[in-house]
Amino acid sequence: MKGFSLLEVLIALAIMSGVILTVIVSFNYHLGIVVSDKEETAAVLLARAKIDDPGFTSLPTGKGTFAPARADITWEKTVASTELPGIKRMILTVRWNSDKRSLALVRYAAKF
């Protein structure tokens, strides 16, 4: 008798389904990492542009968004004093993903 038995076909299908399932799970995991990194990169670039803006140092403490380009990303500026006289610390906190993720950039400037 030539050919494969039903048991051999079922075992081959079970092995193939395991391999395919592993590949799909791995692909989804890595796709999630790519999306997360893309969002974080966009937030960092927007934060750097905001904190490097010449008018940012004179801006009082406040909140805002990066609308209209990225209204889903919000920012908040806080000003704190330092141990050094004449120096202030400005903290720009950027939040995204419904405030689940955030990062903070710090800039030091002379008090006016």
C-alpha atoms as a PDB file:
ATOM      1  CA  MET A   1       0.000   0.000   0.000  1.00  0.00           C
ATOM      2  CA  LYS A   2       1.373   3.389  -1.018  1.00  0.00           C
ATOM      3  CA  GLY A   3       0.612   6.849   0.359  1.00  0.00           C
ATOM      4  CA  PHE A   4       0.140   8.310   3.795  1.00  0.00           C
ATOM      5  CA  SER A   5      -2.124   6.995   6.493  1.00  0.00           C
ATOM      6  CA  LEU A   6      -4.699   9.201   8.165  1.00  0.00           C
ATOM      7  CA  LEU A   7      -2.625   9.303  11.359  1.00  0.00           C
ATOM      8  CA  GLU A   8       0.451  10.574   9.498  1.00  0.00           C
ATOM      9  CA  VAL A   9      -1.597  13.317   7.814  1.00  0.00           C
ATOM     10  CA  LEU A  10      -3.105  14.398  11.153  1.00  0.00           C
ATOM     11  CA  ILE A  11       0.328  14.551  12.817  1.00  0.00           C
ATOM     12  CA  ALA A  12       1.717  16.593   9.915  1.00  0.00           C
ATOM     13  CA  LEU A  13      -1.237  18.996  10.147  1.00  0.00           C
ATOM     14  CA  ALA A  14      -0.762  19.353  13.920  1.00  0.00           C
ATOM     15  CA  ILE A  15       2.923  20.196  13.466  1.00  0.00           C
ATOM     16  CA  MET A  16       2.163  22.703  10.702  1.00  0.00           C
ATOM     17  CA  SER A  17      -0.561  24.394  12.751  1.00  0.00           C
ATOM     18  CA  GLY A  18       1.846  24.750  15.681  1.00  0.00           C
ATOM     19  CA  VAL A  19       4.473  26.341  13.468  1.00  0.00           C
ATOM     20  CA  ILE A  20       1.984  28.696  11.838  1.00  0.00           C
ATOM     21  CA  LEU A  21       0.540  29.718  15.215  1.00  0.00           C
ATOM     22  CA  THR A  22       4.034  30.471  16.545  1.00  0.00           C
ATOM     23  CA  VAL A  23       4.851  32.621  13.513  1.00  0.00           C
ATOM     24  CA  ILE A  24       1.586  34.586  13.807  1.00  0.00           C
ATOM     25  CA  VAL A  25       2.053  35.237  17.540  1.00  0.00           C
ATOM     26  CA  SER A  26       5.658  36.331  16.987  1.00  0.00           C
ATOM     27  CA  PHE A  27       4.638  38.638  14.133  1.00  0.00           C
ATOM     28  CA  ASN A  28       1.890  40.274  16.230  1.00  0.00           C
ATOM     29  CA  TYR A  29       4.281  40.784  19.153  1.00  0.00           C
ATOM     30  CA  HIS A  30       6.899  42.468  16.998  1.00  0.00           C
ATOM     31  CA  LEU A  31       4.282  44.570  15.206  1.00  0.00           C
ATOM     32  CA  GLY A  32       3.154  45.859  18.615  1.00  0.00           C
ATOM     33  CA  ILE A  33       6.732  46.829  19.450  1.00  0.00           C
ATOM     34  CA  VAL A  34       7.052  48.719  16.155  1.00  0.00           C
ATOM     35  CA  VAL A  35       3.836  50.672  16.794  1.00  0.00           C
ATOM     36  CA  SER A  36       4.946  51.504  20.336  1.00  0.00           C
ATOM     37  CA  ASP A  37       8.351  52.699  19.137  1.00  0.00           C
ATOM     38  CA  LYS A  38       6.729  54.807  16.418  1.00  0.00           C
ATOM     39  CA  GLU A  39       4.493  56.566  18.963  1.00  0.00           C
ATOM     40  CA  GLU A  40       7.400  57.142  21.331  1.00  0.00           C
ATOM     41  CA  THR A  41       9.588  58.545  18.551  1.00  0.00           C
ATOM     42  CA  ALA A  42       6.831  60.960  17.507  1.00  0.00           C
ATOM     43  CA  ALA A  43       6.416  62.094  21.128  1.00  0.00           C
ATOM     44  CA  VAL A  44      10.160  62.640  21.577  1.00  0.00           C
ATOM     45  CA  LEU A  45      10.435  64.640  18.346  1.00  0.00           C
ATOM     46  CA  LEU A  46       7.456  66.824  19.253  1.00  0.00           C
ATOM     47  CA  ALA A  47       8.809  67.359  22.771  1.00  0.00           C
ATOM     48  CA  ARG A  48      12.263  68.310  21.464  1.00  0.00           C
ATOM     49  CA  ALA A  49      10.722  70.784  19.020  1.00  0.00           C
ATOM     50  CA  LYS A  50       8.642  72.314  21.822  1.00  0.00           C
ATOM     51  CA  ILE A  51      11.460  72.591  24.361  1.00  0.00           C
ATOM     52  CA  ASP A  52      13.899  73.967  21.765  1.00  0.00           C
ATOM     53  CA  ASP A  53      11.437  76.689  20.739  1.00  0.00           C
ATOM     54  CA  PRO A  54      12.965  80.065  21.708  1.00  0.00           C
ATOM     55  CA  GLY A  55       9.660  81.231  23.184  1.00  0.00           C
ATOM     56  CA  PHE A  56       9.374  78.192  25.424  1.00  0.00           C
ATOM     57  CA  THR A  57      11.569  79.625  28.208  1.00  0.00           C
ATOM     58  CA  SER A  58       9.345  82.702  28.565  1.00  0.00           C
ATOM     59  CA  LEU A  59       6.147  80.636  28.436  1.00  0.00           C
ATOM     60  CA  PRO A  60       4.537  80.343  31.863  1.00  0.00           C
ATOM     61  CA  THR A  61       3.645  77.027  33.431  1.00  0.00           C
ATOM     62  CA  GLY A  62       0.828  75.457  31.452  1.00  0.00           C
ATOM     63  CA  LYS A  63      -0.642  72.641  29.429  1.00  0.00           C
ATOM     64  CA  GLY A  64      -1.517  72.076  25.813  1.00  0.00           C
ATOM     65  CA  THR A  65      -1.676  69.700  22.885  1.00  0.00           C
ATOM     66  CA  PHE A  66       0.210  69.380  19.654  1.00  0.00           C
ATOM     67  CA  ALA A  67      -2.959  70.066  17.645  1.00  0.00           C
ATOM     68  CA  PRO A  68      -3.773  69.987  14.768  1.00  0.00           C
ATOM     69  CA  ALA A  69      -1.029  67.556  13.755  1.00  0.00           C
ATOM     70  CA  ARG A  70      -1.121  65.338  16.863  1.00  0.00           C
ATOM     71  CA  ALA A  71      -4.012  66.330  19.127  1.00  0.00           C
ATOM     72  CA  ASP A  72      -3.715  62.963  20.902  1.00  0.00           C
ATOM     73  CA  ILE A  73      -0.357  63.982  22.406  1.00  0.00           C
ATOM     74  CA  THR A  74      -0.486  66.454  25.286  1.00  0.00           C
ATOM     75  CA  TRP A  75       2.243  68.436  27.022  1.00  0.00           C
ATOM     76  CA  GLU A  76       2.633  70.086  30.400  1.00  0.00           C
ATOM     77  CA  LYS A  77       5.319  72.562  31.464  1.00  0.00           C
ATOM     78  CA  THR A  78       6.343  72.974  35.084  1.00  0.00           C
ATOM     79  CA  VAL A  79       8.991  75.308  36.430  1.00  0.00           C
ATOM     80  CA  ALA A  80      10.998  74.526  39.544  1.00  0.00           C
ATOM     81  CA  SER A  81      13.787  76.324  41.299  1.00  0.00           C
ATOM     82  CA  THR A  82      17.216  74.819  41.691  1.00  0.00           C
ATOM     83  CA  GLU A  83      19.925  75.016  44.322  1.00  0.00           C
ATOM     84  CA  LEU A  84      21.863  77.353  42.076  1.00  0.00           C
ATOM     85  CA  PRO A  85      20.796  81.009  42.282  1.00  0.00           C
ATOM     86  CA  GLY A  86      19.573  82.465  39.017  1.00  0.00           C
ATOM     87  CA  ILE A  87      18.856  79.082  37.414  1.00  0.00           C
ATOM     88  CA  LYS A  88      15.415  77.602  36.899  1.00  0.00           C
ATOM     89  CA  ARG A  89      14.514  74.073  35.839  1.00  0.00           C
ATOM     90  CA  MET A  90      11.779  73.637  33.257  1.00  0.00           C
ATOM     91  CA  ILE A  91      10.238  70.199  32.919  1.00  0.00           C
ATOM     92  CA  LEU A  92       8.232  69.353  29.809  1.00  0.00           C
ATOM     93  CA  THR A  93       6.118  66.243  30.297  1.00  0.00           C
ATOM     94  CA  VAL A  94       4.583  64.714  27.186  1.00  0.00           C
ATOM     95  CA  ARG A  95       1.760  62.167  27.460  1.00  0.00           C
ATOM     96  CA  TRP A  96       0.141  59.975  24.822  1.00  0.00           C
ATOM     97  CA  ASN A  97      -1.943  56.817  24.482  1.00  0.00           C
ATOM     98  CA  SER A  98      -4.700  58.202  26.743  1.00  0.00           C
ATOM     99  CA  ASP A  99      -2.106  59.305  29.336  1.00  0.00           C
ATOM    100  CA  LYS A 100      -0.858  55.729  29.748  1.00  0.00           C
ATOM    101  CA  ARG A 101       2.625  56.569  28.418  1.00  0.00           C
ATOM    102  CA  SER A 102       4.718  59.612  29.134  1.00  0.00           C
ATOM    103  CA  LEU A 103       8.198  61.066  29.011  1.00  0.00           C
ATOM    104  CA  ALA A 104       9.807  64.145  30.488  1.00  0.00           C
ATOM    105  CA  LEU A 105      12.490  66.471  29.151  1.00  0.00           C
ATOM    106  CA  VAL A 106      14.335  68.871  31.434  1.00  0.00           C
ATOM    107  CA  ARG A 107      15.893  72.183  30.447  1.00  0.00           C
ATOM    108  CA  TYR A 108      17.794  74.620  32.630  1.00  0.00           C
ATOM    109  CA  ALA A 109      17.687  78.349  31.955  1.00  0.00           C
ATOM    110  CA  ALA A 110      18.627  81.608  33.621  1.00  0.00           C
ATOM    111  CA  LYS A 111      15.871  83.377  35.534  1.00  0.00           C
ATOM    112  CA  PHE A 112      14.795  86.700  34.058  1.00  0.00           C
END
